[in-house]
Structure formats: C-alpha cells, structure tokens
C-alpha cells in the first residue's frame, strides 16, 4: 500500500515530510501540496480511498 498525503498548506506538507524521512517511509508515503479538488488530475490515481480530517471533503 502507498499513501499520498495532500494539504493546501505548505507548512503541513513540511511537517509530514519531516516525519516520513526519519522513519524511512519515502517508498510508501509521499506528500503533495494541493487542494482535494485537484486529485482527479493526479497521475498516481485512481485512488482506492480518500480520507479527510477537518478538511474540504467534510464541507461538501
């Protein structure tokens, strides 16, 4: 399984990247700064699951 973590805030992408590297999870987790509305354009898709915690998916 691989995970693509996304957020519109660059600070949150920096935070997740700072946690990925020390755990050597670069081959399983990647992070991309973007809005959830941009996900259909991603070459990594289609996605099996989308999870949103206090984010855009909770508001639509």
N, C-alpha and C. Protein backbone atom coordinates (compact mmCIF):
# COMPACT_ATOMS: atom_id res chain seq x y z
N UNK A 1 0.84 -1.16 0.00
CA UNK A 1 0.00 0.00 0.00
C UNK A 1 0.89 1.24 0.00
N UNK A 2 0.46 2.24 -0.76
CA UNK A 2 1.15 3.52 -0.75
C UNK A 2 0.14 4.60 -0.38
N UNK A 3 0.66 5.69 0.17
CA UNK A 3 -0.18 6.79 0.63
C UNK A 3 0.30 8.08 -0.01
N UNK A 4 -0.64 8.87 -0.50
CA UNK A 4 -0.36 10.22 -0.97
C UNK A 4 -1.05 11.17 -0.01
N UNK A 5 -0.27 11.89 0.78
CA UNK A 5 -0.81 12.88 1.71
C UNK A 5 -0.86 14.23 1.01
N UNK A 6 -1.98 14.93 1.14
CA UNK A 6 -2.12 16.23 0.50
C UNK A 6 -2.62 17.27 1.49
N UNK A 7 -2.27 18.51 1.23
CA UNK A 7 -2.76 19.64 2.00
C UNK A 7 -2.48 20.90 1.18
N UNK A 8 -3.32 21.91 1.35
CA UNK A 8 -3.09 23.17 0.64
C UNK A 8 -2.03 24.01 1.34
N UNK A 9 -1.75 23.71 2.60
CA UNK A 9 -0.80 24.50 3.37
C UNK A 9 0.62 23.92 3.25
N UNK A 10 1.55 24.75 2.83
CA UNK A 10 2.93 24.29 2.68
C UNK A 10 3.53 23.86 4.02
N UNK A 11 3.12 24.50 5.11
CA UNK A 11 3.61 24.13 6.43
C UNK A 11 3.22 22.72 6.82
N UNK A 12 2.05 22.29 6.43
CA UNK A 12 1.61 20.93 6.75
C UNK A 12 2.37 19.91 5.90
N UNK A 13 2.70 20.25 4.67
CA UNK A 13 3.49 19.36 3.83
C UNK A 13 4.90 19.23 4.42
N UNK A 14 5.46 20.34 4.88
CA UNK A 14 6.78 20.29 5.53
C UNK A 14 6.73 19.41 6.77
N UNK A 15 5.66 19.51 7.53
CA UNK A 15 5.52 18.73 8.77
C UNK A 15 5.46 17.23 8.47
N UNK A 16 4.66 16.81 7.50
CA UNK A 16 4.56 15.39 7.19
C UNK A 16 5.87 14.87 6.60
N UNK A 17 6.52 15.69 5.77
CA UNK A 17 7.81 15.27 5.21
C UNK A 17 8.85 15.09 6.30
N UNK A 18 8.78 15.91 7.34
CA UNK A 18 9.74 15.78 8.45
C UNK A 18 9.51 14.51 9.26
N UNK A 19 8.35 13.93 9.13
CA UNK A 19 8.04 12.67 9.83
C UNK A 19 8.30 11.45 8.96
N UNK A 20 8.17 11.60 7.64
CA UNK A 20 8.36 10.49 6.71
C UNK A 20 9.82 10.04 6.66
N UNK A 21 10.72 11.00 6.50
CA UNK A 21 12.14 10.68 6.30
C UNK A 21 12.78 9.94 7.48
N UNK A 22 12.62 10.38 8.71
CA UNK A 22 13.27 9.67 9.82
C UNK A 22 12.79 8.22 9.98
N UNK A 23 11.60 7.94 9.49
CA UNK A 23 11.05 6.59 9.59
C UNK A 23 11.33 5.75 8.34
N UNK A 24 12.07 6.33 7.39
CA UNK A 24 12.41 5.66 6.13
C UNK A 24 11.17 5.15 5.38
N UNK A 25 10.16 6.00 5.31
CA UNK A 25 8.91 5.62 4.65
C UNK A 25 8.73 6.28 3.28
N UNK A 26 9.81 6.82 2.72
CA UNK A 26 9.70 7.52 1.44
C UNK A 26 9.14 6.65 0.33
N UNK A 27 9.37 5.36 0.37
CA UNK A 27 8.86 4.48 -0.68
C UNK A 27 7.38 4.17 -0.52
N UNK A 28 6.82 4.49 0.65
CA UNK A 28 5.41 4.17 0.90
C UNK A 28 4.52 5.39 1.06
N UNK A 29 5.11 6.53 1.46
CA UNK A 29 4.32 7.74 1.70
C UNK A 29 4.95 8.91 0.96
N UNK A 30 4.13 9.63 0.21
CA UNK A 30 4.59 10.87 -0.42
C UNK A 30 3.60 11.97 -0.07
N UNK A 31 4.07 13.20 -0.16
CA UNK A 31 3.23 14.35 0.19
C UNK A 31 3.24 15.35 -0.96
N UNK A 32 2.08 15.94 -1.21
CA UNK A 32 1.93 16.89 -2.31
C UNK A 32 1.07 18.05 -1.85
N UNK A 33 1.54 19.26 -2.09
CA UNK A 33 0.74 20.43 -1.76
C UNK A 33 -0.29 20.63 -2.86
N UNK A 34 -1.55 20.50 -2.50
CA UNK A 34 -2.64 20.71 -3.45
C UNK A 34 -3.97 20.70 -2.71
N UNK A 35 -5.00 21.08 -3.41
CA UNK A 35 -6.36 21.01 -2.90
C UNK A 35 -6.95 19.65 -3.28
N UNK A 36 -7.91 19.20 -2.50
CA UNK A 36 -8.56 17.92 -2.83
C UNK A 36 -9.27 17.99 -4.18
N UNK A 37 -9.62 19.19 -4.62
CA UNK A 37 -10.29 19.31 -5.92
C UNK A 37 -9.35 18.99 -7.08
N UNK A 38 -8.04 18.97 -6.83
CA UNK A 38 -7.06 18.67 -7.86
C UNK A 38 -6.77 17.17 -7.98
N UNK A 39 -7.25 16.35 -7.08
CA UNK A 39 -6.93 14.93 -7.07
C UNK A 39 -7.28 14.20 -8.38
N UNK A 40 -8.39 14.51 -9.04
CA UNK A 40 -8.68 13.79 -10.29
C UNK A 40 -7.61 13.98 -11.36
N UNK A 41 -6.79 15.01 -11.26
CA UNK A 41 -5.75 15.29 -12.25
C UNK A 41 -4.44 14.55 -11.96
N UNK A 42 -4.32 13.90 -10.82
CA UNK A 42 -3.06 13.29 -10.40
C UNK A 42 -2.79 12.00 -11.15
N UNK A 43 -1.56 11.84 -11.66
CA UNK A 43 -1.20 10.60 -12.36
C UNK A 43 -1.13 9.40 -11.43
N UNK A 44 -1.03 9.61 -10.10
CA UNK A 44 -0.98 8.50 -9.16
C UNK A 44 -2.32 7.79 -9.05
N UNK A 45 -3.40 8.43 -9.43
CA UNK A 45 -4.74 7.86 -9.31
C UNK A 45 -4.98 6.79 -10.35
N UNK A 46 -6.13 6.15 -10.32
CA UNK A 46 -7.22 6.43 -9.39
C UNK A 46 -6.89 5.97 -7.98
N UNK A 47 -7.58 6.56 -7.03
CA UNK A 47 -7.34 6.28 -5.63
C UNK A 47 -8.40 5.33 -5.08
N UNK A 48 -7.99 4.44 -4.20
CA UNK A 48 -8.93 3.50 -3.59
C UNK A 48 -9.71 4.12 -2.44
N UNK A 49 -9.07 5.05 -1.73
CA UNK A 49 -9.69 5.64 -0.55
C UNK A 49 -9.29 7.11 -0.47
N UNK A 50 -10.21 7.95 -0.01
CA UNK A 50 -9.90 9.34 0.30
C UNK A 50 -10.35 9.58 1.73
N UNK A 51 -9.48 10.13 2.55
CA UNK A 51 -9.78 10.41 3.95
C UNK A 51 -9.54 11.88 4.20
N UNK A 52 -10.49 12.51 4.86
CA UNK A 52 -10.38 13.93 5.16
C UNK A 52 -10.70 14.16 6.62
N UNK A 53 -9.79 14.81 7.32
CA UNK A 53 -9.99 15.11 8.74
C UNK A 53 -10.02 16.63 8.91
N UNK A 54 -11.18 17.16 9.18
CA UNK A 54 -11.35 18.61 9.33
C UNK A 54 -10.95 19.37 8.08
N UNK A 55 -11.20 18.79 6.92
CA UNK A 55 -10.78 19.43 5.68
C UNK A 55 -11.93 19.58 4.69
N UNK A 56 -11.55 19.85 3.46
CA UNK A 56 -12.51 20.15 2.41
C UNK A 56 -13.56 19.10 2.17
N UNK A 57 -13.20 17.82 2.21
CA UNK A 57 -14.19 16.77 1.96
C UNK A 57 -15.30 16.76 3.00
N UNK A 58 -15.01 17.24 4.18
CA UNK A 58 -16.03 17.29 5.24
C UNK A 58 -17.03 18.42 5.01
N UNK A 59 -16.71 19.33 4.12
CA UNK A 59 -17.53 20.53 3.91
C UNK A 59 -18.40 20.47 2.68
N UNK A 60 -18.27 19.40 1.87
CA UNK A 60 -19.08 19.35 0.65
C UNK A 60 -20.22 18.37 0.81
